[in-house]
Amino acid sequence: MVVGAAMAFGLALSSAPLAAQSADSALDRAVAAYATVKTARISFTQTIDNSLTGTTATTQGELQQRRPSRFAVTFAEPSGDRIVSDGQWVWVYLPSTNPGQVIRAKVGANGAGAPDFAAQFLEAPRKSYTVSGGSPATIDGSATHAVVLTPKSTSSPFSKVTLWVNDGDASLRRVETIDGSGVVRRITVTKFARNTPVDANAFVFKVPAGVKVFDGPAS
């Protein structure tokens, strides 16, 4: 899912020297920060590199979120594309690539209902991943440390995940996933507001006239 898109980013402070952060300490700060998030508004860019087709696709948009089960991704590019979780259903409406149809899946059905993109990486991450990395990196002028997550299970949809954790507030500045086919998805946060008012109407999806609804797999 695009953003599955959906990401959650919070604030936390660390007593460890930031310049010498290990991957474990950076991840612990991100996990603690994520736990404080109730609502969020996030502007982002997303790049998908597909080595199989030799193509690169770039999108941008905004995520609004109300944990635990509501999020809305509205894309500015391509305009009109949306992904919405209303707490019961996840609706994937991408007229730019699949005109005339919307796919819905029950929240919790085969992972489709994961309420935000960061949840699978910041809720008990060591249960599913081996942690490494810790190298410092600068992203859009912000100091971060990279955390590499390697799946423990061969059934994971990813072969590698990298999180860039902000040194100052423990928010995620970038998330990069590599799937089993080598497709690289890179999501970069350009603006983040934590525990801020969100638009309740954003979490409501109304099927446009003439659009067919297809049910995703049941759990």
N, C-alpha and C. Protein backbone atom coordinates (compact mmCIF):
# COMPACT_ATOMS: atom_id res chain seq x y z
N MET A 1 0.85 -1.17 0.00
CA MET A 1 0.00 0.00 0.00
C MET A 1 0.89 1.22 0.00
N VAL A 2 0.48 2.30 -0.69
CA VAL A 2 1.39 3.38 -1.00
C VAL A 2 2.05 3.93 0.23
N VAL A 3 1.25 4.38 0.97
CA VAL A 3 1.89 4.85 2.17
C VAL A 3 1.43 3.99 3.27
N GLY A 4 0.66 3.09 2.53
CA GLY A 4 0.08 2.36 3.55
C GLY A 4 -0.12 3.38 4.59
N ALA A 5 0.79 4.12 3.36
CA ALA A 5 1.24 5.23 3.63
C ALA A 5 1.19 5.80 4.54
N ALA A 6 0.93 5.34 5.55
CA ALA A 6 0.70 6.09 6.53
C ALA A 6 1.68 5.96 7.49
N MET A 7 2.48 6.58 8.13
CA MET A 7 3.59 6.92 8.99
C MET A 7 3.07 7.64 10.24
N ALA A 8 3.80 7.49 11.45
CA ALA A 8 3.48 8.27 12.63
C ALA A 8 4.79 8.72 13.24
N PHE A 9 4.86 9.97 13.64
CA PHE A 9 6.12 10.52 14.07
C PHE A 9 5.91 11.34 15.34
N GLY A 10 6.76 11.16 16.34
CA GLY A 10 6.55 11.81 17.63
C GLY A 10 7.79 12.47 18.16
N LEU A 11 7.72 12.91 19.39
CA LEU A 11 8.79 13.62 20.04
C LEU A 11 9.29 12.84 21.24
N ALA A 12 10.60 12.87 21.44
CA ALA A 12 11.17 12.27 22.64
C ALA A 12 12.59 12.80 22.78
N LEU A 13 13.14 12.79 23.99
CA LEU A 13 14.50 13.24 24.22
C LEU A 13 15.34 12.06 24.67
N SER A 14 16.62 12.14 24.42
CA SER A 14 17.50 11.04 24.79
C SER A 14 18.63 11.57 25.65
N SER A 15 19.03 10.79 26.65
CA SER A 15 20.14 11.18 27.49
C SER A 15 21.47 10.75 26.88
N ALA A 16 21.43 9.90 25.84
CA ALA A 16 22.66 9.43 25.21
C ALA A 16 23.23 10.53 24.33
N PRO A 17 24.56 10.63 24.21
CA PRO A 17 25.17 11.62 23.32
C PRO A 17 24.71 11.35 21.89
N LEU A 18 24.13 12.36 21.24
CA LEU A 18 23.54 12.15 19.94
C LEU A 18 24.57 11.78 18.89
N ALA A 19 25.76 12.35 18.98
CA ALA A 19 26.76 12.10 17.96
C ALA A 19 27.24 10.65 18.00
N ALA A 20 27.01 9.98 19.14
CA ALA A 20 27.51 8.62 19.27
C ALA A 20 26.38 7.61 19.44
N GLN A 21 25.21 7.96 18.96
CA GLN A 21 24.07 7.07 19.12
C GLN A 21 24.31 5.73 18.43
N SER A 22 23.92 4.67 19.08
CA SER A 22 23.90 3.38 18.44
C SER A 22 22.56 3.21 17.75
N ALA A 23 22.46 2.19 16.90
CA ALA A 23 21.19 1.91 16.24
C ALA A 23 20.13 1.59 17.28
N ASP A 24 20.51 0.85 18.33
CA ASP A 24 19.55 0.47 19.36
C ASP A 24 19.01 1.68 20.10
N SER A 25 19.88 2.61 20.46
CA SER A 25 19.40 3.78 21.20
C SER A 25 18.55 4.68 20.32
N ALA A 26 18.92 4.81 19.04
CA ALA A 26 18.11 5.61 18.13
C ALA A 26 16.73 5.00 17.95
N LEU A 27 16.70 3.67 17.81
CA LEU A 27 15.42 2.99 17.64
C LEU A 27 14.57 3.12 18.91
N ASP A 28 15.19 2.97 20.08
CA ASP A 28 14.44 3.10 21.33
C ASP A 28 13.81 4.48 21.47
N ARG A 29 14.52 5.51 21.04
CA ARG A 29 13.98 6.86 21.09
C ARG A 29 12.80 7.01 20.15
N ALA A 30 12.92 6.42 18.96
CA ALA A 30 11.82 6.50 18.00
C ALA A 30 10.59 5.75 18.49
N VAL A 31 10.80 4.59 19.11
CA VAL A 31 9.69 3.81 19.64
C VAL A 31 8.98 4.60 20.74
N ALA A 32 9.75 5.20 21.65
CA ALA A 32 9.15 5.99 22.73
C ALA A 32 8.40 7.19 22.18
N ALA A 33 8.95 7.83 21.15
CA ALA A 33 8.30 8.98 20.55
C ALA A 33 6.99 8.59 19.87
N TYR A 34 7.03 7.49 19.16
CA TYR A 34 5.85 7.01 18.45
C TYR A 34 4.70 6.73 19.42
N ALA A 35 5.03 6.22 20.60
CA ALA A 35 4.01 5.87 21.58
C ALA A 35 3.24 7.08 22.09
N THR A 36 3.80 8.27 21.92
CA THR A 36 3.13 9.49 22.41
C THR A 36 2.19 10.10 21.38
N VAL A 37 2.20 9.60 20.16
CA VAL A 37 1.41 10.19 19.09
C VAL A 37 -0.05 9.78 19.20
N LYS A 38 -0.94 10.76 19.25
CA LYS A 38 -2.39 10.53 19.21
C LYS A 38 -2.95 10.95 17.86
N THR A 39 -2.52 12.12 17.41
CA THR A 39 -2.90 12.60 16.07
C THR A 39 -1.65 13.16 15.40
N ALA A 40 -1.71 13.24 14.08
CA ALA A 40 -0.57 13.78 13.34
C ALA A 40 -1.02 14.27 11.97
N ARG A 41 -0.31 15.27 11.49
CA ARG A 41 -0.42 15.73 10.10
C ARG A 41 0.98 15.73 9.53
N ILE A 42 1.16 15.03 8.42
CA ILE A 42 2.48 14.83 7.86
C ILE A 42 2.46 15.10 6.36
N SER A 43 3.31 15.99 5.91
CA SER A 43 3.53 16.17 4.48
C SER A 43 4.73 15.33 4.07
N PHE A 44 4.67 14.72 2.89
CA PHE A 44 5.71 13.77 2.52
C PHE A 44 5.92 13.75 1.01
N THR A 45 7.07 13.24 0.64
CA THR A 45 7.32 12.85 -0.74
C THR A 45 7.64 11.36 -0.74
N GLN A 46 7.30 10.69 -1.82
CA GLN A 46 7.55 9.25 -1.94
C GLN A 46 8.16 8.95 -3.31
N THR A 47 9.21 8.16 -3.29
CA THR A 47 9.84 7.74 -4.53
C THR A 47 9.88 6.22 -4.56
N ILE A 48 9.46 5.64 -5.68
CA ILE A 48 9.49 4.19 -5.85
C ILE A 48 10.39 3.87 -7.04
N ASP A 49 11.47 3.14 -6.77
CA ASP A 49 12.40 2.72 -7.82
C ASP A 49 12.18 1.24 -8.10
N ASN A 50 11.80 0.93 -9.31
CA ASN A 50 11.55 -0.45 -9.71
C ASN A 50 12.63 -0.88 -10.70
N SER A 51 13.58 -1.68 -10.20
CA SER A 51 14.69 -2.11 -11.06
C SER A 51 14.24 -3.10 -12.12
N LEU A 52 13.11 -3.77 -11.89
CA LEU A 52 12.62 -4.75 -12.86
C LEU A 52 12.12 -4.06 -14.13
N THR A 53 11.50 -2.91 -13.95
CA THR A 53 10.96 -2.18 -15.10
C THR A 53 11.84 -0.99 -15.50
N GLY A 54 12.82 -0.69 -14.63
CA GLY A 54 13.69 0.45 -14.91
C GLY A 54 12.98 1.78 -14.78
N THR A 55 11.95 1.84 -13.92
CA THR A 55 11.17 3.07 -13.79
C THR A 55 11.28 3.64 -12.37
N THR A 56 11.05 4.93 -12.29
CA THR A 56 11.00 5.64 -11.00
C THR A 56 9.74 6.48 -10.97
N ALA A 57 8.96 6.34 -9.91
CA ALA A 57 7.73 7.13 -9.74
C ALA A 57 7.85 7.97 -8.49
N THR A 58 7.45 9.23 -8.59
CA THR A 58 7.52 10.15 -7.45
C THR A 58 6.13 10.71 -7.17
N THR A 59 5.73 10.68 -5.91
CA THR A 59 4.44 11.23 -5.50
C THR A 59 4.66 12.12 -4.29
N GLN A 60 3.66 12.94 -4.00
CA GLN A 60 3.71 13.75 -2.78
C GLN A 60 2.30 13.95 -2.27
N GLY A 61 2.20 14.20 -0.97
CA GLY A 61 0.87 14.37 -0.40
C GLY A 61 0.92 14.65 1.08
N GLU A 62 -0.25 14.46 1.73
CA GLU A 62 -0.37 14.70 3.16
C GLU A 62 -1.07 13.52 3.83
N LEU A 63 -0.58 13.16 4.99
CA LEU A 63 -1.21 12.14 5.82
C LEU A 63 -1.81 12.81 7.05
N GLN A 64 -3.10 12.53 7.31
CA GLN A 64 -3.71 12.88 8.58
C GLN A 64 -4.00 11.59 9.32
N GLN A 65 -3.80 11.61 10.62
CA GLN A 65 -3.93 10.38 11.38
C GLN A 65 -4.55 10.63 12.75
N ARG A 66 -5.43 9.72 13.13
CA ARG A 66 -5.93 9.66 14.50
C ARG A 66 -5.82 8.22 14.96
N ARG A 67 -4.87 7.96 15.81
CA ARG A 67 -4.68 6.60 16.28
C ARG A 67 -5.83 6.20 17.21
N PRO A 68 -6.21 4.89 17.19
CA PRO A 68 -5.40 3.81 16.65
C PRO A 68 -5.76 3.35 15.25
N SER A 69 -6.88 3.80 14.67
CA SER A 69 -7.32 3.11 13.45
C SER A 69 -7.80 4.02 12.33
N ARG A 70 -7.54 5.30 12.43
CA ARG A 70 -8.00 6.20 11.37
C ARG A 70 -6.82 6.94 10.75
N PHE A 71 -6.77 6.91 9.42
CA PHE A 71 -5.79 7.71 8.72
C PHE A 71 -6.33 8.06 7.35
N ALA A 72 -5.77 9.10 6.77
CA ALA A 72 -6.18 9.54 5.43
C ALA A 72 -4.96 10.08 4.71
N VAL A 73 -4.67 9.49 3.57
CA VAL A 73 -3.58 9.96 2.72
C VAL A 73 -4.20 10.60 1.49
N THR A 74 -3.90 11.87 1.29
CA THR A 74 -4.39 12.59 0.12
C THR A 74 -3.19 13.01 -0.72
N PHE A 75 -3.16 12.56 -1.97
CA PHE A 75 -2.02 12.85 -2.83
C PHE A 75 -2.25 14.13 -3.63
N ALA A 76 -1.23 14.99 -3.61
CA ALA A 76 -1.25 16.16 -4.48
C ALA A 76 -0.78 15.77 -5.87
N GLU A 77 0.13 14.83 -5.92
CA GLU A 77 0.61 14.24 -7.17
C GLU A 77 0.72 12.74 -6.95
N PRO A 78 -0.05 11.93 -7.66
CA PRO A 78 -1.11 12.31 -8.61
C PRO A 78 -2.37 12.79 -7.89
N SER A 79 -2.92 13.87 -8.38
CA SER A 79 -4.09 14.48 -7.77
C SER A 79 -5.29 13.54 -7.84
N GLY A 80 -6.03 13.46 -6.74
CA GLY A 80 -7.24 12.64 -6.70
C GLY A 80 -7.04 11.28 -6.07
N ASP A 81 -5.82 10.81 -5.98
CA ASP A 81 -5.55 9.52 -5.34
C ASP A 81 -5.71 9.66 -3.82
N ARG A 82 -6.34 8.66 -3.19
CA ARG A 82 -6.55 8.69 -1.74
C ARG A 82 -6.46 7.28 -1.16
N ILE A 83 -6.02 7.22 0.07
CA ILE A 83 -6.09 5.99 0.87
C ILE A 83 -6.68 6.40 2.22
N VAL A 84 -7.78 5.77 2.61
CA VAL A 84 -8.51 6.18 3.81
C VAL A 84 -8.82 4.97 4.68
N SER A 85 -8.56 5.09 5.97
CA SER A 85 -9.05 4.13 6.95
C SER A 85 -10.07 4.84 7.82
N ASP A 86 -11.32 4.33 7.79
CA ASP A 86 -12.38 4.96 8.58
C ASP A 86 -12.58 4.27 9.92
N GLY A 87 -11.69 3.37 10.27
CA GLY A 87 -11.79 2.63 11.52
C GLY A 87 -12.38 1.25 11.33
N GLN A 88 -13.12 1.06 10.24
CA GLN A 88 -13.71 -0.24 9.92
C GLN A 88 -13.16 -0.79 8.62
N TRP A 89 -13.01 0.08 7.64
CA TRP A 89 -12.52 -0.32 6.32
C TRP A 89 -11.32 0.54 5.93
N VAL A 90 -10.41 -0.06 5.16
CA VAL A 90 -9.37 0.69 4.48
C VAL A 90 -9.77 0.77 3.02
N TRP A 91 -9.84 2.00 2.50
CA TRP A 91 -10.24 2.25 1.11
C TRP A 91 -9.03 2.71 0.32
N VAL A 92 -8.74 2.04 -0.79
CA VAL A 92 -7.63 2.42 -1.65
C VAL A 92 -8.21 2.86 -2.99
N TYR A 93 -8.16 4.17 -3.22
CA TYR A 93 -8.75 4.76 -4.43
C TYR A 93 -7.65 5.47 -5.19
N LEU A 94 -7.22 4.87 -6.31
CA LEU A 94 -6.10 5.38 -7.09
C LEU A 94 -6.53 5.55 -8.55
N PRO A 95 -7.35 6.56 -8.83
CA PRO A 95 -7.83 6.74 -10.20
C PRO A 95 -6.73 7.04 -11.21
N SER A 96 -5.56 7.46 -10.74
CA SER A 96 -4.47 7.75 -11.67
C SER A 96 -3.97 6.47 -12.35
N THR A 97 -4.09 5.34 -11.65
CA THR A 97 -3.61 4.07 -12.20
C THR A 97 -4.72 3.04 -12.37
N ASN A 98 -5.79 3.14 -11.57
CA ASN A 98 -6.91 2.20 -11.64
C ASN A 98 -8.24 2.96 -11.66
N PRO A 99 -8.53 3.64 -12.75
CA PRO A 99 -9.76 4.44 -12.80
C PRO A 99 -11.01 3.57 -12.72
N GLY A 100 -12.03 4.13 -12.07
CA GLY A 100 -13.32 3.44 -12.03
C GLY A 100 -13.44 2.36 -10.98
N GLN A 101 -12.46 2.26 -10.07
CA GLN A 101 -12.56 1.23 -9.05
C GLN A 101 -11.94 1.71 -7.74
N VAL A 102 -12.43 1.14 -6.65
CA VAL A 102 -11.85 1.35 -5.33
C VAL A 102 -11.78 -0.01 -4.65
N ILE A 103 -10.70 -0.26 -3.96
CA ILE A 103 -10.54 -1.53 -3.24
C ILE A 103 -10.70 -1.25 -1.75
N ARG A 104 -11.51 -2.06 -1.09
CA ARG A 104 -11.67 -1.92 0.35
C ARG A 104 -11.28 -3.22 1.04
N ALA A 105 -10.76 -3.10 2.24
CA ALA A 105 -10.39 -4.27 3.03
C ALA A 105 -10.71 -3.97 4.48
N LYS A 106 -11.17 -4.99 5.19
CA LYS A 106 -11.46 -4.83 6.60
C LYS A 106 -10.20 -4.43 7.36
N VAL A 107 -10.35 -3.52 8.31
CA VAL A 107 -9.23 -3.18 9.18
C VAL A 107 -8.77 -4.45 9.88
N GLY A 108 -7.49 -4.75 9.74
CA GLY A 108 -6.94 -5.95 10.35
C GLY A 108 -6.88 -7.14 9.43
N ALA A 109 -7.40 -7.03 8.21
CA ALA A 109 -7.42 -8.16 7.29
C ALA A 109 -6.08 -8.28 6.57
N ASN A 110 -5.33 -9.34 6.89
CA ASN A 110 -4.03 -9.60 6.25
C ASN A 110 -3.12 -8.39 6.24
N GLY A 111 -3.15 -7.64 7.34
CA GLY A 111 -2.28 -6.49 7.46
C GLY A 111 -2.81 -5.25 6.78
N ALA A 112 -3.94 -5.37 6.04
CA ALA A 112 -4.44 -4.21 5.31
C ALA A 112 -4.90 -3.12 6.25
N GLY A 113 -5.27 -3.51 7.46
CA GLY A 113 -5.79 -2.53 8.38
C GLY A 113 -4.75 -1.89 9.28
N ALA A 114 -3.46 -2.16 9.03
CA ALA A 114 -2.45 -1.50 9.84
C ALA A 114 -2.68 -0.01 9.76
N PRO A 115 -2.97 0.65 10.90
CA PRO A 115 -3.45 2.02 10.85
C PRO A 115 -2.44 3.04 10.39
N ASP A 116 -1.16 2.73 10.40
CA ASP A 116 -0.18 3.66 9.87
C ASP A 116 1.08 2.90 9.47
N PHE A 117 1.84 3.54 8.64
CA PHE A 117 3.00 2.88 8.05
C PHE A 117 4.06 2.56 9.07
N ALA A 118 4.21 3.44 10.08
CA ALA A 118 5.28 3.26 11.05
C ALA A 118 4.99 2.19 12.07
N ALA A 119 3.72 1.81 12.24
CA ALA A 119 3.35 0.88 13.30
C ALA A 119 4.12 -0.43 13.21
N GLN A 120 4.27 -0.95 11.99
CA GLN A 120 4.92 -2.25 11.83
C GLN A 120 6.41 -2.20 12.15
N PHE A 121 6.97 -0.99 12.21
CA PHE A 121 8.39 -0.85 12.50
C PHE A 121 8.67 -0.33 13.91
N LEU A 122 7.68 0.32 14.52
CA LEU A 122 7.91 0.97 15.81
C LEU A 122 7.07 0.39 16.94
N GLU A 123 6.33 -0.68 16.68
CA GLU A 123 5.65 -1.39 17.75
C GLU A 123 6.33 -2.75 17.91
N ALA A 124 7.09 -2.91 18.99
CA ALA A 124 7.85 -4.13 19.27
C ALA A 124 8.70 -4.55 18.07
N PRO A 125 9.55 -3.65 17.57
CA PRO A 125 10.30 -3.97 16.34
C PRO A 125 11.25 -5.15 16.48
N ARG A 126 11.82 -5.36 17.66
CA ARG A 126 12.80 -6.44 17.81
C ARG A 126 12.16 -7.82 17.74
N LYS A 127 10.86 -7.88 17.86
CA LYS A 127 10.17 -9.16 17.71
C LYS A 127 10.27 -9.66 16.28
N SER A 128 10.27 -8.74 15.33
CA SER A 128 10.26 -9.12 13.92
C SER A 128 11.56 -8.80 13.18
N TYR A 129 12.40 -7.96 13.77
CA TYR A 129 13.58 -7.49 13.04
C TYR A 129 14.84 -7.57 13.89
N THR A 130 15.97 -7.77 13.21
CA THR A 130 17.29 -7.62 13.81
C THR A 130 17.75 -6.20 13.54
N VAL A 131 18.30 -5.54 14.56
CA VAL A 131 18.64 -4.12 14.48
C VAL A 131 20.14 -3.95 14.26
N SER A 132 20.50 -3.06 13.33
CA SER A 132 21.90 -2.72 13.10
C SER A 132 21.97 -1.30 12.59
N GLY A 133 23.16 -0.87 12.20
CA GLY A 133 23.31 0.48 11.66
C GLY A 133 23.80 1.44 12.73
N GLY A 134 23.24 2.66 12.72
CA GLY A 134 23.63 3.69 13.66
C GLY A 134 24.44 4.81 13.04
N SER A 135 24.66 4.75 11.72
CA SER A 135 25.47 5.77 11.06
C SER A 135 24.74 7.11 11.01
N PRO A 136 25.44 8.22 11.27
CA PRO A 136 24.81 9.54 11.16
C PRO A 136 24.58 9.92 9.70
N ALA A 137 23.54 10.70 9.46
CA ALA A 137 23.23 11.18 8.10
C ALA A 137 22.45 12.48 8.22
N THR A 138 22.62 13.34 7.24
CA THR A 138 21.89 14.60 7.21
C THR A 138 20.82 14.53 6.12
N ILE A 139 19.56 14.79 6.50
CA ILE A 139 18.45 14.77 5.55
C ILE A 139 17.77 16.13 5.56
N ASP A 140 17.84 16.80 4.43
CA ASP A 140 17.24 18.13 4.30
C ASP A 140 17.66 19.05 5.44
N GLY A 141 18.93 18.99 5.80
CA GLY A 141 19.46 19.86 6.82
C GLY A 141 19.30 19.37 8.25
N SER A 142 18.62 18.24 8.44
CA SER A 142 18.40 17.71 9.78
C SER A 142 19.36 16.55 10.08
N ALA A 143 19.95 16.57 11.26
CA ALA A 143 20.85 15.50 11.68
C ALA A 143 20.03 14.29 12.10
N THR A 144 20.38 13.13 11.57
CA THR A 144 19.67 11.89 11.87
C THR A 144 20.67 10.76 12.07
N HIS A 145 20.16 9.63 12.57
CA HIS A 145 20.93 8.39 12.59
C HIS A 145 20.10 7.32 11.91
N ALA A 146 20.75 6.52 11.08
CA ALA A 146 20.07 5.48 10.32
C ALA A 146 20.00 4.19 11.13
N VAL A 147 18.83 3.57 11.12
CA VAL A 147 18.61 2.29 11.79
C VAL A 147 18.20 1.27 10.73
N VAL A 148 18.93 0.18 10.64
CA VAL A 148 18.63 -0.85 9.65
C VAL A 148 17.91 -2.00 10.34
N LEU A 149 16.75 -2.38 9.79
CA LEU A 149 15.96 -3.48 10.30
C LEU A 149 15.99 -4.62 9.28
N THR A 150 16.47 -5.77 9.70
CA THR A 150 16.52 -6.94 8.84
C THR A 150 15.48 -7.95 9.34
N PRO A 151 14.52 -8.32 8.50
CA PRO A 151 13.45 -9.23 8.95
C PRO A 151 14.00 -10.56 9.44
N LYS A 152 13.41 -11.08 10.50
CA LYS A 152 13.78 -12.39 11.02
C LYS A 152 13.06 -13.51 10.28
N SER A 153 11.92 -13.19 9.68
CA SER A 153 11.11 -14.19 9.00
C SER A 153 11.23 -14.05 7.49
N THR A 154 11.30 -15.17 6.80
CA THR A 154 11.35 -15.14 5.34
C THR A 154 10.00 -14.77 4.74
N SER A 155 8.95 -14.76 5.56
CA SER A 155 7.62 -14.40 5.06
C SER A 155 7.39 -12.89 5.08
N SER A 156 8.35 -12.14 5.57
CA SER A 156 8.22 -10.68 5.59
C SER A 156 8.13 -10.14 4.16
N PRO A 157 7.31 -9.09 3.94
CA PRO A 157 7.24 -8.49 2.61
C PRO A 157 8.49 -7.71 2.25
N PHE A 158 9.36 -7.49 3.23
CA PHE A 158 10.56 -6.69 3.00
C PHE A 158 11.81 -7.52 3.18
N SER A 159 12.84 -7.17 2.41
CA SER A 159 14.15 -7.78 2.63
C SER A 159 15.01 -6.88 3.51
N LYS A 160 14.68 -5.59 3.54
CA LYS A 160 15.45 -4.63 4.35
C LYS A 160 14.61 -3.38 4.56
N VAL A 161 14.73 -2.81 5.76
CA VAL A 161 14.05 -1.56 6.09
C VAL A 161 15.08 -0.63 6.74
N THR A 162 15.11 0.63 6.33
CA THR A 162 15.99 1.61 6.97
C THR A 162 15.16 2.78 7.46
N LEU A 163 15.34 3.14 8.72
CA LEU A 163 14.67 4.28 9.33
C LEU A 163 15.71 5.35 9.65
N TRP A 164 15.43 6.59 9.32
CA TRP A 164 16.30 7.69 9.69
C TRP A 164 15.62 8.46 10.83
N VAL A 165 16.21 8.39 12.02
CA VAL A 165 15.62 8.96 13.22
C VAL A 165 16.26 10.31 13.52
N ASN A 166 15.43 11.34 13.64
CA ASN A 166 15.92 12.69 13.91
C ASN A 166 16.64 12.75 15.26
N ASP A 167 17.82 13.35 15.28
CA ASP A 167 18.59 13.43 16.52
C ASP A 167 17.90 14.30 17.57
N GLY A 168 17.19 15.33 17.12
CA GLY A 168 16.64 16.29 18.06
C GLY A 168 15.35 15.86 18.72
N ASP A 169 14.43 15.26 17.95
CA ASP A 169 13.10 14.97 18.51
C ASP A 169 12.65 13.53 18.32
N ALA A 170 13.51 12.70 17.76
CA ALA A 170 13.24 11.27 17.56
C ALA A 170 12.13 10.98 16.57
N SER A 171 11.75 11.96 15.76
CA SER A 171 10.79 11.70 14.70
C SER A 171 11.48 10.96 13.56
N LEU A 172 10.68 10.27 12.75
CA LEU A 172 11.23 9.63 11.56
C LEU A 172 11.28 10.66 10.44
N ARG A 173 12.46 10.88 9.89
CA ARG A 173 12.59 11.80 8.77
C ARG A 173 12.47 11.08 7.44
N ARG A 174 12.84 9.80 7.44
CA ARG A 174 12.75 9.03 6.19
C ARG A 174 12.60 7.55 6.53
N VAL A 175 11.83 6.86 5.69
CA VAL A 175 11.68 5.41 5.79
C VAL A 175 11.92 4.82 4.40
N GLU A 176 12.78 3.83 4.33
CA GLU A 176 13.06 3.17 3.04
C GLU A 176 12.86 1.67 3.20
N THR A 177 12.06 1.10 2.31
CA THR A 177 11.85 -0.34 2.32
C THR A 177 12.30 -0.93 0.99
N ILE A 178 12.83 -2.15 1.06
CA ILE A 178 13.18 -2.91 -0.13
C ILE A 178 12.41 -4.21 -0.06
N ASP A 179 11.60 -4.49 -1.08
CA ASP A 179 10.80 -5.71 -1.03
C ASP A 179 11.55 -6.87 -1.69
N GLY A 180 10.90 -8.02 -1.73
CA GLY A 180 11.55 -9.22 -2.24
C GLY A 180 11.91 -9.15 -3.71
N SER A 181 11.27 -8.23 -4.44
CA SER A 181 11.57 -8.07 -5.87
C SER A 181 12.61 -7.00 -6.12
N GLY A 182 13.08 -6.37 -5.04
CA GLY A 182 14.08 -5.32 -5.18
C GLY A 182 13.50 -3.94 -5.39
N VAL A 183 12.18 -3.79 -5.28
CA VAL A 183 11.55 -2.48 -5.42
C VAL A 183 11.84 -1.65 -4.16
N VAL A 184 12.37 -0.46 -4.38
CA VAL A 184 12.75 0.42 -3.27
C VAL A 184 11.72 1.53 -3.14
N ARG A 185 11.11 1.63 -1.95
CA ARG A 185 10.15 2.69 -1.65
C ARG A 185 10.76 3.59 -0.59
N ARG A 186 10.84 4.88 -0.91
CA ARG A 186 11.48 5.84 0.00
C ARG A 186 10.51 6.97 0.32
N ILE A 187 10.15 7.10 1.58
CA ILE A 187 9.22 8.13 2.02
C ILE A 187 9.98 9.13 2.88
N THR A 188 9.95 10.40 2.49
CA THR A 188 10.65 11.45 3.22
C THR A 188 9.65 12.46 3.76
N VAL A 189 9.74 12.74 5.05
CA VAL A 189 8.85 13.70 5.70
C VAL A 189 9.35 15.11 5.43
N THR A 190 8.48 15.96 4.91
CA THR A 190 8.85 17.35 4.65
C THR A 190 8.25 18.31 5.67
N LYS A 191 7.18 17.86 6.35
CA LYS A 191 6.55 18.68 7.40
C LYS A 191 5.80 17.76 8.33
N PHE A 192 5.94 18.01 9.64
CA PHE A 192 5.33 17.12 10.63
C PHE A 192 4.75 17.92 11.79
N ALA A 193 3.49 17.66 12.12
CA ALA A 193 2.85 18.27 13.29
C ALA A 193 2.27 17.15 14.14
N ARG A 194 2.71 17.07 15.37
CA ARG A 194 2.31 16.01 16.29
C ARG A 194 1.20 16.48 17.21
N ASN A 195 0.21 15.59 17.44
CA ASN A 195 -0.90 15.87 18.35
C ASN A 195 -1.54 17.22 18.05
N THR A 196 -1.86 17.37 16.78
CA THR A 196 -2.46 18.60 16.27
C THR A 196 -3.88 18.30 15.81
N PRO A 197 -4.76 19.31 15.73
CA PRO A 197 -6.12 19.03 15.23
C PRO A 197 -6.10 18.46 13.81
N VAL A 198 -6.96 17.48 13.58
CA VAL A 198 -7.09 16.87 12.26
C VAL A 198 -8.55 16.99 11.82
N ASP A 199 -8.77 16.84 10.52
CA ASP A 199 -10.10 16.99 9.93
C ASP A 199 -10.85 15.67 10.01
N ALA A 200 -11.90 15.63 10.82
CA ALA A 200 -12.67 14.38 10.98
C ALA A 200 -13.24 13.90 9.65
N ASN A 201 -13.59 14.82 8.77
CA ASN A 201 -14.15 14.43 7.47
C ASN A 201 -13.14 13.72 6.58
N ALA A 202 -11.86 13.90 6.89
CA ALA A 202 -10.82 13.24 6.08
C ALA A 202 -10.88 11.74 6.22
N PHE A 203 -11.45 11.25 7.33
CA PHE A 203 -11.50 9.81 7.59
C PHE A 203 -12.79 9.17 7.10
N VAL A 204 -13.52 9.90 6.27
CA VAL A 204 -14.76 9.39 5.68
C VAL A 204 -14.53 9.24 4.18
N PHE A 205 -14.81 8.05 3.66
CA PHE A 205 -14.68 7.84 2.22
C PHE A 205 -16.05 7.61 1.61
N LYS A 206 -16.41 8.43 0.64
CA LYS A 206 -17.66 8.29 -0.10
C LYS A 206 -17.33 7.80 -1.50
N VAL A 207 -17.89 6.68 -1.87
CA VAL A 207 -17.60 6.10 -3.18
C VAL A 207 -18.13 7.02 -4.28
N PRO A 208 -17.26 7.50 -5.16
CA PRO A 208 -17.72 8.37 -6.24
C PRO A 208 -18.70 7.66 -7.17
N ALA A 209 -19.56 8.43 -7.77
CA ALA A 209 -20.54 7.87 -8.71
C ALA A 209 -19.84 7.14 -9.85
N GLY A 210 -20.34 5.96 -10.16
CA GLY A 210 -19.79 5.18 -11.27
C GLY A 210 -18.57 4.36 -10.93
N VAL A 211 -18.10 4.46 -9.68
CA VAL A 211 -16.91 3.72 -9.27
C VAL A 211 -17.33 2.39 -8.63
N LYS A 212 -16.73 1.29 -9.06
CA LYS A 212 -17.04 -0.02 -8.52
C LYS A 212 -16.19 -0.33 -7.31
N VAL A 213 -16.80 -1.01 -6.32
CA VAL A 213 -16.09 -1.38 -5.11
C VAL A 213 -15.69 -2.86 -5.20
N PHE A 214 -14.41 -3.12 -5.00
CA PHE A 214 -13.91 -4.50 -4.97
C PHE A 214 -13.38 -4.78 -3.57
N ASP A 215 -13.79 -5.91 -3.00
CA ASP A 215 -13.34 -6.27 -1.67
C ASP A 215 -11.97 -6.94 -1.73
N GLY A 216 -11.10 -6.52 -0.83
CA GLY A 216 -9.80 -7.14 -0.70
C GLY A 216 -9.94 -8.47 0.04
N PRO A 217 -8.83 -9.18 0.24
CA PRO A 217 -8.89 -10.50 0.88
C PRO A 217 -9.36 -10.38 2.32
N ALA A 218 -10.15 -11.35 2.75
CA ALA A 218 -10.61 -11.39 4.15
C ALA A 218 -9.53 -11.97 5.02
N SER A 219 -9.62 -11.67 6.31
CA SER A 219 -8.62 -12.19 7.24
C SER A 219 -8.91 -13.65 7.54
